[in-house]
Every structure is written in C-alpha cells, then in structure tokens.
Amino acid sequence: MAAIFLPLTAVSSVFGMNLHSGLENSPPWMFWLILAGSFAVGLMVSEVLVAVKLRGRR
C-alpha cells in the first residue's frame, strides 16, 4: 500500500510548499495529469514489488 501512496504523498508535499516552481499558474488539468501520473507510478512500483516477491518464492 505504501508503494501506491508514496509517490502521491511526495508530489502533494511538494505542491503544499510555498515554493515558486512555475506550476502556480498552470491550468487545472495539469493537477489531474500529475495526480494520475503519480498514481500510475505507484501502481507500477507495487506491481514490480509483487513480481519480485513471487519470483523469490520459486
């Protein structure tokens, strides 16, 4: 579960800071794109970890 939510929390913590990153004036769809990308990365990491765990059982 941590593999899914770690990228999402990392991105949200960066957006929660008051840093000038250039994304302050971005359109709303950019938020959803980054959110979906973070979720996809979390799912990929989760799948890799499951595959490694299953490979170790053989």
Protein backbone atom coordinates (compact mmCIF):
# COMPACT_ATOMS: atom_id res chain seq x y z
CA MET A 1 0.00 0.00 0.00
CA ALA A 2 2.89 2.32 0.70
CA ALA A 3 4.20 1.79 -2.83
CA ILE A 4 0.95 3.16 -4.21
CA PHE A 5 0.65 6.20 -1.98
CA LEU A 6 4.31 7.21 -1.51
CA PRO A 7 4.66 8.92 -4.92
CA LEU A 8 1.30 10.60 -4.42
CA THR A 9 2.25 11.96 -0.99
CA ALA A 10 5.65 13.08 -2.25
CA VAL A 11 4.09 15.10 -5.06
CA SER A 12 1.42 16.55 -2.79
CA SER A 13 4.04 17.61 -0.24
CA VAL A 14 5.94 19.45 -2.97
CA PHE A 15 2.74 21.20 -4.07
CA GLY A 16 1.94 22.05 -0.45
CA MET A 17 5.13 24.09 -0.06
CA ASN A 18 5.19 27.78 -0.89
CA LEU A 19 7.92 27.48 -3.49
CA HIS A 20 7.94 29.17 -6.86
CA SER A 21 8.04 26.24 -9.28
CA GLY A 22 6.24 27.70 -12.27
CA LEU A 23 3.21 25.46 -11.73
CA GLU A 24 1.28 28.06 -9.73
CA ASN A 25 -0.38 29.46 -12.83
CA SER A 26 -0.87 26.16 -14.64
CA PRO A 27 -4.33 25.11 -15.85
CA PRO A 28 -6.46 22.82 -13.64
CA TRP A 29 -5.99 19.82 -15.92
CA MET A 30 -2.28 19.85 -15.04
CA PHE A 31 -3.17 18.92 -11.44
CA TRP A 32 -5.18 15.92 -12.62
CA LEU A 33 -2.43 14.88 -15.02
CA ILE A 34 0.20 14.92 -12.27
CA LEU A 35 -2.17 13.13 -9.89
CA ALA A 36 -2.86 10.38 -12.43
CA GLY A 37 0.86 10.06 -13.22
CA SER A 38 1.73 9.73 -9.55
CA PHE A 39 -0.93 7.08 -9.08
CA ALA A 40 0.34 5.19 -12.14
CA VAL A 41 3.92 5.25 -10.84
CA GLY A 42 2.70 3.92 -7.51
CA LEU A 43 0.86 1.07 -9.21
CA MET A 44 3.92 0.21 -11.30
CA VAL A 45 6.15 0.11 -8.23
CA SER A 46 3.59 -2.08 -6.50
CA GLU A 47 3.48 -4.49 -9.43
CA VAL A 48 7.27 -4.71 -9.56
CA LEU A 49 7.44 -5.45 -5.85
CA VAL A 50 4.79 -8.17 -6.17
CA ALA A 51 6.65 -9.70 -9.14
CA VAL A 52 9.93 -9.73 -7.20
CA LYS A 53 8.22 -11.29 -4.20
CA LEU A 54 6.64 -14.02 -6.36
CA ARG A 55 9.93 -14.69 -8.14
CA GLY A 56 11.65 -15.19 -4.79
CA ARG A 57 9.22 -17.96 -3.81
CA ARG A 58 10.31 -20.26 -6.65
